[in-house]
Amino acid sequence: MGLTRYNNPKELRDELDGYIAQLKENDLSCLEELYGLFLPTCDLQDISIPNGWSDEYVRLAGEFDKIYYIYKGR
């Protein structure tokens, strides 16, 4: 996967599945970790660009930011 902390796509998928499970249980403790994944030049953007889904990343990051700021009260 190159420039990210993940050695392979399964590592990223497993981590995201864990966050999804937490959120489904209304456990918002992972929001900061997810926020970090969506920051510019962080893992998700670094993965999206060479894999041809940078436009989708930008859309998802924007949607995540909206949700994040609602829950953080900004």
Foldseek 3Di string as FASTA:
>chain_A
DPPAPDPDPVVVVVVVVVVVVCVVVVNCPCLVVVLQCLDPPHDVCVVCVVVPNNVVSVVVSVVSVVVSCVVVVD
